[in-house]
Amino acid sequence: MLTLRHWLSFYEKNYVCVGRVIGRFYGEDGLPTPALTQVEATITRGLEANKLELQEKQTFPPCNAEWSSARGSRLWCSQKSSWNGSLALAPGSLKHACGRLTLQFLR
């Protein structure tokens, strides 16, 4: 849905609107249908999720990862990280991040 929003933004900036197509998203009166309202709500939730993910990456930057058949997997944190270790972001998760644990994360 966010890709659709990006595409729409491009066309809104570069082309003049000459009308709307009657159908799933606009009625004969030219007004948005409930389907368009649902799509817009989904896009809004996607934008909010992206914002939260960016905030999470600021707190817990992604780890560097390497794999070789001789040594297997290796994870390490960059010098920019405040903590030189990694942790799984959720129990059983394969996604790791670097960061400093504080009491707020342990409660």
PDB file of N, CA and C in Angstrom:
ATOM      1  N   MET A   1       0.818  -1.198   0.000  1.00  0.00           N
ATOM      2  CA  MET A   1       0.000   0.000   0.000  1.00  0.00           C
ATOM      3  C   MET A   1       0.864   1.265   0.000  1.00  0.00           C
ATOM      4  N   LEU A   2       2.011   1.195   0.709  1.00  0.00           N
ATOM      5  CA  LEU A   2       2.865   2.385   0.736  1.00  0.00           C
ATOM      6  C   LEU A   2       3.471   2.663  -0.634  1.00  0.00           C
ATOM      7  N   THR A   3       3.722   1.624  -1.404  1.00  0.00           N
ATOM      8  CA  THR A   3       4.218   1.810  -2.766  1.00  0.00           C
ATOM      9  C   THR A   3       3.158   2.503  -3.613  1.00  0.00           C
ATOM     10  N   LEU A   4       1.910   2.127  -3.421  1.00  0.00           N
ATOM     11  CA  LEU A   4       0.805   2.773  -4.133  1.00  0.00           C
ATOM     12  C   LEU A   4       0.738   4.255  -3.766  1.00  0.00           C
ATOM     13  N   ARG A   5       0.916   4.565  -2.479  1.00  0.00           N
ATOM     14  CA  ARG A   5       0.888   5.956  -2.024  1.00  0.00           C
ATOM     15  C   ARG A   5       2.032   6.752  -2.667  1.00  0.00           C
ATOM     16  N   HIS A   6       3.211   6.131  -2.756  1.00  0.00           N
ATOM     17  CA  HIS A   6       4.364   6.783  -3.363  1.00  0.00           C
ATOM     18  C   HIS A   6       4.079   7.085  -4.839  1.00  0.00           C
ATOM     19  N   TRP A   7       3.499   6.121  -5.529  1.00  0.00           N
ATOM     20  CA  TRP A   7       3.150   6.287  -6.938  1.00  0.00           C
ATOM     21  C   TRP A   7       2.146   7.430  -7.102  1.00  0.00           C
ATOM     22  N   LEU A   8       1.118   7.452  -6.248  1.00  0.00           N
ATOM     23  CA  LEU A   8       0.094   8.490  -6.315  1.00  0.00           C
ATOM     24  C   LEU A   8       0.699   9.871  -6.060  1.00  0.00           C
ATOM     25  N   SER A   9       1.602   9.973  -5.091  1.00  0.00           N
ATOM     26  CA  SER A   9       2.256  11.255  -4.797  1.00  0.00           C
ATOM     27  C   SER A   9       3.027  11.766  -6.011  1.00  0.00           C
ATOM     28  N   PHE A  10       3.701  10.856  -6.699  1.00  0.00           N
ATOM     29  CA  PHE A  10       4.438  11.225  -7.903  1.00  0.00           C
ATOM     30  C   PHE A  10       3.490  11.831  -8.941  1.00  0.00           C
ATOM     31  N   TYR A  11       2.375  11.165  -9.173  1.00  0.00           N
ATOM     32  CA  TYR A  11       1.446  11.658 -10.188  1.00  0.00           C
ATOM     33  C   TYR A  11       0.755  12.940  -9.757  1.00  0.00           C
ATOM     34  N   GLU A  12       0.478  13.098  -8.480  1.00  0.00           N
ATOM     35  CA  GLU A  12      -0.142  14.342  -8.009  1.00  0.00           C
ATOM     36  C   GLU A  12       0.800  15.534  -8.189  1.00  0.00           C
ATOM     37  N   LYS A  13       2.104  15.306  -8.063  1.00  0.00           N
ATOM     38  CA  LYS A  13       3.090  16.381  -8.218  1.00  0.00           C
ATOM     39  C   LYS A  13       3.338  16.729  -9.677  1.00  0.00           C
ATOM     40  N   ASN A  14       3.292  15.729 -10.558  1.00  0.00           N
ATOM     41  CA  ASN A  14       3.743  15.923 -11.927  1.00  0.00           C
ATOM     42  C   ASN A  14       2.643  16.008 -12.981  1.00  0.00           C
ATOM     43  N   TYR A  15       1.417  15.740 -12.631  1.00  0.00           N
ATOM     44  CA  TYR A  15       0.333  15.738 -13.612  1.00  0.00           C
ATOM     45  C   TYR A  15      -0.877  16.503 -13.076  1.00  0.00           C
ATOM     46  N   VAL A  16      -1.652  17.044 -14.000  1.00  0.00           N
ATOM     47  CA  VAL A  16      -2.871  17.756 -13.649  1.00  0.00           C
ATOM     48  C   VAL A  16      -4.024  16.757 -13.593  1.00  0.00           C
ATOM     49  N   CYS A  17      -4.796  16.804 -12.528  1.00  0.00           N
ATOM     50  CA  CYS A  17      -5.961  15.922 -12.395  1.00  0.00           C
ATOM     51  C   CYS A  17      -7.063  16.415 -13.336  1.00  0.00           C
ATOM     52  N   VAL A  18      -7.563  15.522 -14.180  1.00  0.00           N
ATOM     53  CA  VAL A  18      -8.619  15.899 -15.117  1.00  0.00           C
ATOM     54  C   VAL A  18      -9.938  15.207 -14.790  1.00  0.00           C
ATOM     55  N   GLY A  19      -9.951  14.391 -13.748  1.00  0.00           N
ATOM     56  CA  GLY A  19     -11.175  13.706 -13.365  1.00  0.00           C
ATOM     57  C   GLY A  19     -10.872  12.455 -12.568  1.00  0.00           C
ATOM     58  N   ARG A  20     -11.930  11.742 -12.232  1.00  0.00           N
ATOM     59  CA  ARG A  20     -11.796  10.499 -11.485  1.00  0.00           C
ATOM     60  C   ARG A  20     -12.533   9.393 -12.228  1.00  0.00           C
ATOM     61  N   VAL A  21     -12.031   8.185 -12.093  1.00  0.00           N
ATOM     62  CA  VAL A  21     -12.673   7.040 -12.718  1.00  0.00           C
ATOM     63  C   VAL A  21     -13.739   6.515 -11.762  1.00  0.00           C
ATOM     64  N   ILE A  22     -14.956   6.400 -12.265  1.00  0.00           N
ATOM     65  CA  ILE A  22     -16.053   5.857 -11.465  1.00  0.00           C
ATOM     66  C   ILE A  22     -15.820   4.357 -11.305  1.00  0.00           C
ATOM     67  N   GLY A  23     -15.897   3.891 -10.068  1.00  0.00           N
ATOM     68  CA  GLY A  23     -15.673   2.468  -9.830  1.00  0.00           C
ATOM     69  C   GLY A  23     -15.478   2.174  -8.359  1.00  0.00           C
ATOM     70  N   ARG A  24     -14.479   1.399  -8.073  1.00  0.00           N
ATOM     71  CA  ARG A  24     -14.252   0.920  -6.710  1.00  0.00           C
ATOM     72  C   ARG A  24     -13.935   2.049  -5.727  1.00  0.00           C
ATOM     73  N   PHE A  25     -13.179   3.059  -6.169  1.00  0.00           N
ATOM     74  CA  PHE A  25     -12.711   4.080  -5.240  1.00  0.00           C
ATOM     75  C   PHE A  25     -13.460   5.406  -5.300  1.00  0.00           C
ATOM     76  N   TYR A  26     -14.161   5.660  -6.402  1.00  0.00           N
ATOM     77  CA  TYR A  26     -14.958   6.891  -6.517  1.00  0.00           C
ATOM     78  C   TYR A  26     -16.321   6.552  -7.103  1.00  0.00           C
ATOM     79  N   GLY A  27     -17.354   7.128  -6.499  1.00  0.00           N
ATOM     80  CA  GLY A  27     -18.715   6.909  -6.980  1.00  0.00           C
ATOM     81  C   GLY A  27     -19.051   7.837  -8.139  1.00  0.00           C
ATOM     82  N   GLU A  28     -20.282   7.689  -8.647  1.00  0.00           N
ATOM     83  CA  GLU A  28     -20.729   8.527  -9.764  1.00  0.00           C
ATOM     84  C   GLU A  28     -20.760  10.006  -9.401  1.00  0.00           C
ATOM     85  N   ASP A  29     -20.895  10.296  -8.107  1.00  0.00           N
ATOM     86  CA  ASP A  29     -20.899  11.684  -7.644  1.00  0.00           C
ATOM     87  C   ASP A  29     -19.485  12.252  -7.494  1.00  0.00           C
ATOM     88  N   GLY A  30     -18.452  11.426  -7.759  1.00  0.00           N
ATOM     89  CA  GLY A  30     -17.070  11.870  -7.653  1.00  0.00           C
ATOM     90  C   GLY A  30     -16.496  11.807  -6.250  1.00  0.00           C
ATOM     91  N   LEU A  31     -17.317  11.340  -5.310  1.00  0.00           N
ATOM     92  CA  LEU A  31     -16.872  11.261  -3.923  1.00  0.00           C
ATOM     93  C   LEU A  31     -16.209   9.912  -3.639  1.00  0.00           C
ATOM     94  N   PRO A  32     -15.288   9.890  -2.664  1.00  0.00           N
ATOM     95  CA  PRO A  32     -14.631   8.624  -2.315  1.00  0.00           C
ATOM     96  C   PRO A  32     -15.629   7.591  -1.794  1.00  0.00           C
ATOM     97  N   THR A  33     -15.371   6.332  -2.118  1.00  0.00           N
ATOM     98  CA  THR A  33     -16.203   5.228  -1.624  1.00  0.00           C
ATOM     99  C   THR A  33     -15.604   4.705  -0.308  1.00  0.00           C
ATOM    100  N   PRO A  34     -16.359   3.867   0.416  1.00  0.00           N
ATOM    101  CA  PRO A  34     -15.795   3.257   1.632  1.00  0.00           C
ATOM    102  C   PRO A  34     -14.515   2.458   1.349  1.00  0.00           C
ATOM    103  N   ALA A  35     -14.376   1.888   0.159  1.00  0.00           N
ATOM    104  CA  ALA A  35     -13.165   1.137  -0.183  1.00  0.00           C
ATOM    105  C   ALA A  35     -11.940   2.057  -0.176  1.00  0.00           C
ATOM    106  N   LEU A  36     -12.085   3.267  -0.713  1.00  0.00           N
ATOM    107  CA  LEU A  36     -10.967   4.219  -0.703  1.00  0.00           C
ATOM    108  C   LEU A  36     -10.646   4.640   0.722  1.00  0.00           C
ATOM    109  N   THR A  37     -11.656   4.827   1.535  1.00  0.00           N
ATOM    110  CA  THR A  37     -11.440   5.187   2.933  1.00  0.00           C
ATOM    111  C   THR A  37     -10.641   4.103   3.654  1.00  0.00           C
ATOM    112  N   GLN A  38     -10.933   2.838   3.365  1.00  0.00           N
ATOM    113  CA  GLN A  38     -10.183   1.722   3.956  1.00  0.00           C
ATOM    114  C   GLN A  38      -8.731   1.721   3.486  1.00  0.00           C
ATOM    115  N   VAL A  39      -8.523   1.964   2.202  1.00  0.00           N
ATOM    116  CA  VAL A  39      -7.164   2.005   1.658  1.00  0.00           C
ATOM    117  C   VAL A  39      -6.371   3.131   2.321  1.00  0.00           C
ATOM    118  N   GLU A  40      -6.978   4.299   2.450  1.00  0.00           N
ATOM    119  CA  GLU A  40      -6.297   5.433   3.078  1.00  0.00           C
ATOM    120  C   GLU A  40      -5.953   5.135   4.535  1.00  0.00           C
ATOM    121  N   ALA A  41      -6.845   4.443   5.250  1.00  0.00           N
ATOM    122  CA  ALA A  41      -6.571   4.064   6.642  1.00  0.00           C
ATOM    123  C   ALA A  41      -5.413   3.069   6.712  1.00  0.00           C
ATOM    124  N   THR A  42      -5.369   2.134   5.773  1.00  0.00           N
ATOM    125  CA  THR A  42      -4.270   1.158   5.723  1.00  0.00           C
ATOM    126  C   THR A  42      -2.950   1.862   5.451  1.00  0.00           C
ATOM    127  N   ILE A  43      -2.944   2.827   4.561  1.00  0.00           N
ATOM    128  CA  ILE A  43      -1.734   3.592   4.256  1.00  0.00           C
ATOM    129  C   ILE A  43      -1.280   4.368   5.487  1.00  0.00           C
ATOM    130  N   THR A  44      -2.212   4.974   6.196  1.00  0.00           N
ATOM    131  CA  THR A  44      -1.876   5.719   7.418  1.00  0.00           C
ATOM    132  C   THR A  44      -1.234   4.802   8.450  1.00  0.00           C
ATOM    133  N   ARG A  45      -1.799   3.602   8.631  1.00  0.00           N
ATOM    134  CA  ARG A  45      -1.209   2.646   9.583  1.00  0.00           C
ATOM    135  C   ARG A  45       0.188   2.222   9.126  1.00  0.00           C
ATOM    136  N   GLY A  46       0.378   2.052   7.831  1.00  0.00           N
ATOM    137  CA  GLY A  46       1.689   1.689   7.301  1.00  0.00           C
ATOM    138  C   GLY A  46       2.726   2.780   7.534  1.00  0.00           C
ATOM    139  N   LEU A  47       2.336   4.031   7.345  1.00  0.00           N
ATOM    140  CA  LEU A  47       3.244   5.145   7.597  1.00  0.00           C
ATOM    141  C   LEU A  47       3.621   5.217   9.075  1.00  0.00           C
ATOM    142  N   GLU A  48       2.633   4.984   9.954  1.00  0.00           N
ATOM    143  CA  GLU A  48       2.904   4.979  11.401  1.00  0.00           C
ATOM    144  C   GLU A  48       3.837   3.830  11.772  1.00  0.00           C
ATOM    145  N   ALA A  49       3.633   2.661  11.169  1.00  0.00           N
ATOM    146  CA  ALA A  49       4.497   1.511  11.436  1.00  0.00           C
ATOM    147  C   ALA A  49       5.926   1.791  10.983  1.00  0.00           C
ATOM    148  N   ASN A  50       6.081   2.448   9.828  1.00  0.00           N
ATOM    149  CA  ASN A  50       7.420   2.814   9.345  1.00  0.00           C
ATOM    150  C   ASN A  50       8.100   3.771  10.312  1.00  0.00           C
ATOM    151  N   LYS A  51       7.335   4.734  10.830  1.00  0.00           N
ATOM    152  CA  LYS A  51       7.881   5.703  11.786  1.00  0.00           C
ATOM    153  C   LYS A  51       8.355   4.991  13.051  1.00  0.00           C
ATOM    154  N   LEU A  52       7.567   4.051  13.558  1.00  0.00           N
ATOM    155  CA  LEU A  52       7.951   3.294  14.743  1.00  0.00           C
ATOM    156  C   LEU A  52       9.191   2.445  14.476  1.00  0.00           C
ATOM    157  N   GLU A  53       9.276   1.857  13.299  1.00  0.00           N
ATOM    158  CA  GLU A  53      10.437   1.041  12.944  1.00  0.00           C
ATOM    159  C   GLU A  53      11.705   1.894  12.895  1.00  0.00           C
ATOM    160  N   LEU A  54      11.601   3.114  12.359  1.00  0.00           N
ATOM    161  CA  LEU A  54      12.758   4.010  12.328  1.00  0.00           C
ATOM    162  C   LEU A  54      13.197   4.389  13.735  1.00  0.00           C
ATOM    163  N   GLN A  55      12.221   4.626  14.623  1.00  0.00           N
ATOM    164  CA  GLN A  55      12.547   4.942  16.012  1.00  0.00           C
ATOM    165  C   GLN A  55      13.234   3.753  16.681  1.00  0.00           C
ATOM    166  N   GLU A  56      12.760   2.542  16.398  1.00  0.00           N
ATOM    167  CA  GLU A  56      13.367   1.337  16.956  1.00  0.00           C
ATOM    168  C   GLU A  56      14.801   1.188  16.467  1.00  0.00           C
ATOM    169  N   LYS A  57      15.045   1.482  15.203  1.00  0.00           N
ATOM    170  CA  LYS A  57      16.402   1.374  14.655  1.00  0.00           C
ATOM    171  C   LYS A  57      17.343   2.401  15.272  1.00  0.00           C
ATOM    172  N   GLN A  58      16.798   3.553  15.692  1.00  0.00           N
ATOM    173  CA  GLN A  58      17.626   4.557  16.371  1.00  0.00           C
ATOM    174  C   GLN A  58      18.043   4.036  17.748  1.00  0.00           C
ATOM    175  N   THR A  59      17.118   3.373  18.440  1.00  0.00           N
ATOM    176  CA  THR A  59      17.403   2.833  19.765  1.00  0.00           C
ATOM    177  C   THR A  59      18.266   1.586  19.666  1.00  0.00           C
ATOM    178  N   PHE A  60      17.919   0.709  18.741  1.00  0.00           N
ATOM    179  CA  PHE A  60      18.633  -0.551  18.548  1.00  0.00           C
ATOM    180  C   PHE A  60      19.068  -0.654  17.087  1.00  0.00           C
ATOM    181  N   PRO A  61      20.240  -0.091  16.739  1.00  0.00           N
ATOM    182  CA  PRO A  61      20.689  -0.190  15.352  1.00  0.00           C
ATOM    183  C   PRO A  61      20.878  -1.643  14.940  1.00  0.00           C
ATOM    184  N   PRO A  62      20.663  -1.957  13.671  1.00  0.00           N
ATOM    185  CA  PRO A  62      20.838  -3.332  13.214  1.00  0.00           C
ATOM    186  C   PRO A  62      22.282  -3.795  13.431  1.00  0.00           C
ATOM    187  N   CYS A  63      22.434  -5.073  13.683  1.00  0.00           N
ATOM    188  CA  CYS A  63      23.774  -5.656  13.838  1.00  0.00           C
ATOM    189  C   CYS A  63      24.385  -5.920  12.469  1.00  0.00           C
ATOM    190  N   ASN A  64      25.692  -5.979  12.459  1.00  0.00           N
ATOM    191  CA  ASN A  64      26.402  -6.460  11.283  1.00  0.00           C
ATOM    192  C   ASN A  64      26.350  -7.978  11.339  1.00  0.00           C
ATOM    193  N   ALA A  65      26.229  -8.624  10.207  1.00  0.00           N
ATOM    194  CA  ALA A  65      26.135 -10.079  10.177  1.00  0.00           C
ATOM    195  C   ALA A  65      27.049 -10.637   9.094  1.00  0.00           C
ATOM    196  N   GLU A  66      27.562 -11.807   9.378  1.00  0.00           N
ATOM    197  CA  GLU A  66      28.437 -12.470   8.425  1.00  0.00           C
ATOM    198  C   GLU A  66      28.187 -13.970   8.551  1.00  0.00           C
ATOM    199  N   TRP A  67      28.282 -14.678   7.438  1.00  0.00           N
ATOM    200  CA  TRP A  67      28.146 -16.130   7.482  1.00  0.00           C
ATOM    201  C   TRP A  67      29.168 -16.735   6.544  1.00  0.00           C
ATOM    202  N   SER A  68      29.799 -17.794   7.006  1.00  0.00           N
ATOM    203  CA  SER A  68      30.686 -18.563   6.138  1.00  0.00           C
ATOM    204  C   SER A  68      30.523 -20.028   6.499  1.00  0.00           C
ATOM    205  N   SER A  69      30.771 -20.887   5.539  1.00  0.00           N
ATOM    206  CA  SER A  69      30.617 -22.323   5.798  1.00  0.00           C
ATOM    207  C   SER A  69      31.645 -22.798   6.820  1.00  0.00           C
ATOM    208  N   ALA A  70      32.790 -22.141   6.893  1.00  0.00           N
ATOM    209  CA  ALA A  70      33.831 -22.554   7.836  1.00  0.00           C
ATOM    210  C   ALA A  70      33.516 -22.125   9.266  1.00  0.00           C
ATOM    211  N   ARG A  71      32.984 -20.893   9.445  1.00  0.00           N
ATOM    212  CA  ARG A  71      32.763 -20.371  10.798  1.00  0.00           C
ATOM    213  C   ARG A  71      31.305 -20.265  11.199  1.00  0.00           C
ATOM    214  N   GLY A  72      30.411 -20.344  10.269  1.00  0.00           N
ATOM    215  CA  GLY A  72      28.993 -20.187  10.588  1.00  0.00           C
ATOM    216  C   GLY A  72      28.619 -18.721  10.699  1.00  0.00           C
ATOM    217  N   SER A  73      27.643 -18.421  11.544  1.00  0.00           N
ATOM    218  CA  SER A  73      27.137 -17.054  11.692  1.00  0.00           C
ATOM    219  C   SER A  73      27.942 -16.278  12.720  1.00  0.00           C
ATOM    220  N   ARG A  74      28.053 -14.980  12.453  1.00  0.00           N
ATOM    221  CA  ARG A  74      28.706 -14.079  13.400  1.00  0.00           C
ATOM    222  C   ARG A  74      27.956 -12.760  13.366  1.00  0.00           C
ATOM    223  N   LEU A  75      27.612 -12.224  14.523  1.00  0.00           N
ATOM    224  CA  LEU A  75      26.961 -10.925  14.652  1.00  0.00           C
ATOM    225  C   LEU A  75      27.875 -10.005  15.438  1.00  0.00           C
ATOM    226  N   TRP A  76      27.942  -8.715  15.049  1.00  0.00           N
ATOM    227  CA  TRP A  76      28.696  -7.751  15.840  1.00  0.00           C
ATOM    228  C   TRP A  76      28.092  -6.371  15.630  1.00  0.00           C
ATOM    229  N   CYS A  77      28.355  -5.513  16.601  1.00  0.00           N
ATOM    230  CA  CYS A  77      27.825  -4.157  16.556  1.00  0.00           C
ATOM    231  C   CYS A  77      28.911  -3.200  16.101  1.00  0.00           C
ATOM    232  N   SER A  78      28.505  -2.134  15.419  1.00  0.00           N
ATOM    233  CA  SER A  78      29.466  -1.148  14.927  1.00  0.00           C
ATOM    234  C   SER A  78      29.920  -0.254  16.077  1.00  0.00           C
ATOM    235  N   GLN A  79      30.908   0.568  15.799  1.00  0.00           N
ATOM    236  CA  GLN A  79      31.417   1.503  16.796  1.00  0.00           C
ATOM    237  C   GLN A  79      30.374   2.566  17.150  1.00  0.00           C
ATOM    238  N   LYS A  80      29.414   2.797  16.266  1.00  0.00           N
ATOM    239  CA  LYS A  80      28.379   3.800  16.521  1.00  0.00           C
ATOM    240  C   LYS A  80      27.392   3.343  17.583  1.00  0.00           C
ATOM    241  N   SER A  81      27.339   2.046  17.828  1.00  0.00           N
ATOM    242  CA  SER A  81      26.418   1.513  18.819  1.00  0.00           C
ATOM    243  C   SER A  81      26.934   1.824  20.218  1.00  0.00           C
ATOM    244  N   SER A  82      26.019   2.091  21.136  1.00  0.00           N
ATOM    245  CA  SER A  82      26.426   2.405  22.503  1.00  0.00           C
ATOM    246  C   SER A  82      26.737   1.150  23.306  1.00  0.00           C
ATOM    247  N   TRP A  83      26.487   0.016  22.763  1.00  0.00           N
ATOM    248  CA  TRP A  83      26.706  -1.252  23.469  1.00  0.00           C
ATOM    249  C   TRP A  83      27.230  -2.259  22.486  1.00  0.00           C
ATOM    250  N   ASN A  84      28.296  -2.926  22.790  1.00  0.00           N
ATOM    251  CA  ASN A  84      28.895  -3.861  21.856  1.00  0.00           C
ATOM    252  C   ASN A  84      28.384  -5.274  22.122  1.00  0.00           C
ATOM    253  N   GLY A  85      27.146  -5.505  21.836  1.00  0.00           N
ATOM    254  CA  GLY A  85      26.529  -6.810  21.991  1.00  0.00           C
ATOM    255  C   GLY A  85      25.257  -6.834  21.183  1.00  0.00           C
ATOM    256  N   SER A  86      24.648  -7.984  21.081  1.00  0.00           N
ATOM    257  CA  SER A  86      23.404  -8.042  20.323  1.00  0.00           C
ATOM    258  C   SER A  86      22.359  -8.771  21.140  1.00  0.00           C
ATOM    259  N   LEU A  87      21.112  -8.542  20.793  1.00  0.00           N
ATOM    260  CA  LEU A  87      20.023  -9.231  21.455  1.00  0.00           C
ATOM    261  C   LEU A  87      18.919  -9.477  20.456  1.00  0.00           C
ATOM    262  N   ALA A  88      18.165 -10.535  20.694  1.00  0.00           N
ATOM    263  CA  ALA A  88      17.009 -10.810  19.842  1.00  0.00           C
ATOM    264  C   ALA A  88      15.922  -9.816  20.235  1.00  0.00           C
ATOM    265  N   LEU A  89      15.234  -9.247  19.258  1.00  0.00           N
ATOM    266  CA  LEU A  89      14.203  -8.256  19.545  1.00  0.00           C
ATOM    267  C   LEU A  89      12.931  -8.876  20.102  1.00  0.00           C
ATOM    268  N   ALA A  90      12.743 -10.160  19.887  1.00  0.00           N
ATOM    269  CA  ALA A  90      11.577 -10.854  20.434  1.00  0.00           C
ATOM    270  C   ALA A  90      11.989 -12.297  20.697  1.00  0.00           C
ATOM    271  N   PRO A  91      11.382 -12.935  21.700  1.00  0.00           N
ATOM    272  CA  PRO A  91      11.728 -14.330  21.963  1.00  0.00           C
ATOM    273  C   PRO A  91      11.533 -15.174  20.703  1.00  0.00           C
ATOM    274  N   GLY A  92      12.555 -15.923  20.348  1.00  0.00           N
ATOM    275  CA  GLY A  92      12.491 -16.763  19.166  1.00  0.00           C
ATOM    276  C   GLY A  92      12.710 -16.032  17.856  1.00  0.00           C
ATOM    277  N   SER A  93      12.963 -14.729  17.927  1.00  0.00           N
ATOM    278  CA  SER A  93      13.138 -13.930  16.719  1.00  0.00           C
ATOM    279  C   SER A  93      14.512 -14.165  16.110  1.00  0.00           C
ATOM    280  N   LEU A  94      14.575 -14.119  14.788  1.00  0.00           N
ATOM    281  CA  LEU A  94      15.850 -14.190  14.094  1.00  0.00           C
ATOM    282  C   LEU A  94      16.417 -12.792  13.861  1.00  0.00           C
ATOM    283  N   LYS A  95      15.634 -11.769  14.196  1.00  0.00           N
ATOM    284  CA  LYS A  95      16.048 -10.380  14.010  1.00  0.00           C
ATOM    285  C   LYS A  95      16.802  -9.921  15.254  1.00  0.00           C
ATOM    286  N   HIS A  96      18.032  -9.466  15.083  1.00  0.00           N
ATOM    287  CA  HIS A  96      18.850  -8.988  16.182  1.00  0.00           C
ATOM    288  C   HIS A  96      19.128  -7.503  15.989  1.00  0.00           C
ATOM    289  N   ALA A  97      19.486  -6.853  17.092  1.00  0.00           N
ATOM    290  CA  ALA A  97      19.848  -5.442  17.028  1.00  0.00           C
ATOM    291  C   ALA A  97      20.889  -5.163  18.092  1.00  0.00           C
ATOM    292  N   CYS A  98      21.571  -4.039  17.922  1.00  0.00           N
ATOM    293  CA  CYS A  98      22.559  -3.604  18.890  1.00  0.00           C
ATOM    294  C   CYS A  98      21.958  -2.483  19.718  1.00  0.00           C
ATOM    295  N   GLY A  99      22.398  -2.347  20.924  1.00  0.00           N
ATOM    296  CA  GLY A  99      21.909  -1.256  21.753  1.00  0.00           C
ATOM    297  C   GLY A  99      22.260  -1.477  23.203  1.00  0.00           C
ATOM    298  N   ARG A 100      21.852  -0.553  24.031  1.00  0.00           N
ATOM    299  CA  ARG A 100      22.118  -0.616  25.461  1.00  0.00           C
ATOM    300  C   ARG A 100      20.808  -0.944  26.167  1.00  0.00           C
ATOM    301  N   LEU A 101      20.855  -1.929  27.020  1.00  0.00           N
ATOM    302  CA  LEU A 101      19.666  -2.274  27.810  1.00  0.00           C
ATOM    303  C   LEU A 101      19.567  -1.317  28.989  1.00  0.00           C
ATOM    304  N   THR A 102      18.367  -0.817  29.215  1.00  0.00           N
ATOM    305  CA  THR A 102      18.121   0.028  30.383  1.00  0.00           C
ATOM    306  C   THR A 102      16.987  -0.607  31.172  1.00  0.00           C
ATOM    307  N   LEU A 103      16.745  -0.090  32.349  1.00  0.00           N
ATOM    308  CA  LEU A 103      15.695  -0.658  33.187  1.00  0.00           C
ATOM    309  C   LEU A 103      14.339  -0.650  32.517  1.00  0.00           C
ATOM    310  N   GLN A 104      14.048   0.365  31.692  1.00  0.00           N
ATOM    311  CA  GLN A 104      12.739   0.414  31.032  1.00  0.00           C
ATOM    312  C   GLN A 104      12.510  -0.785  30.127  1.00  0.00           C
ATOM    313  N   PHE A 105      13.567  -1.369  29.549  1.00  0.00           N
ATOM    314  CA  PHE A 105      13.421  -2.523  28.674  1.00  0.00           C
ATOM    315  C   PHE A 105      13.326  -3.817  29.447  1.00  0.00           C
ATOM    316  N   LEU A 106      13.755  -3.806  30.715  1.00  0.00           N
ATOM    317  CA  LEU A 106      13.723  -5.014  31.521  1.00  0.00           C
ATOM    318  C   LEU A 106      12.427  -5.157  32.295  1.00  0.00           C
ATOM    319  N   ARG A 107      11.619  -4.138  32.360  1.00  0.00           N
ATOM    320  CA  ARG A 107      10.351  -4.194  33.118  1.00  0.00           C
ATOM    321  C   ARG A 107       9.261  -4.792  32.303  1.00  0.00           C
TER     322      ARG A 107
END
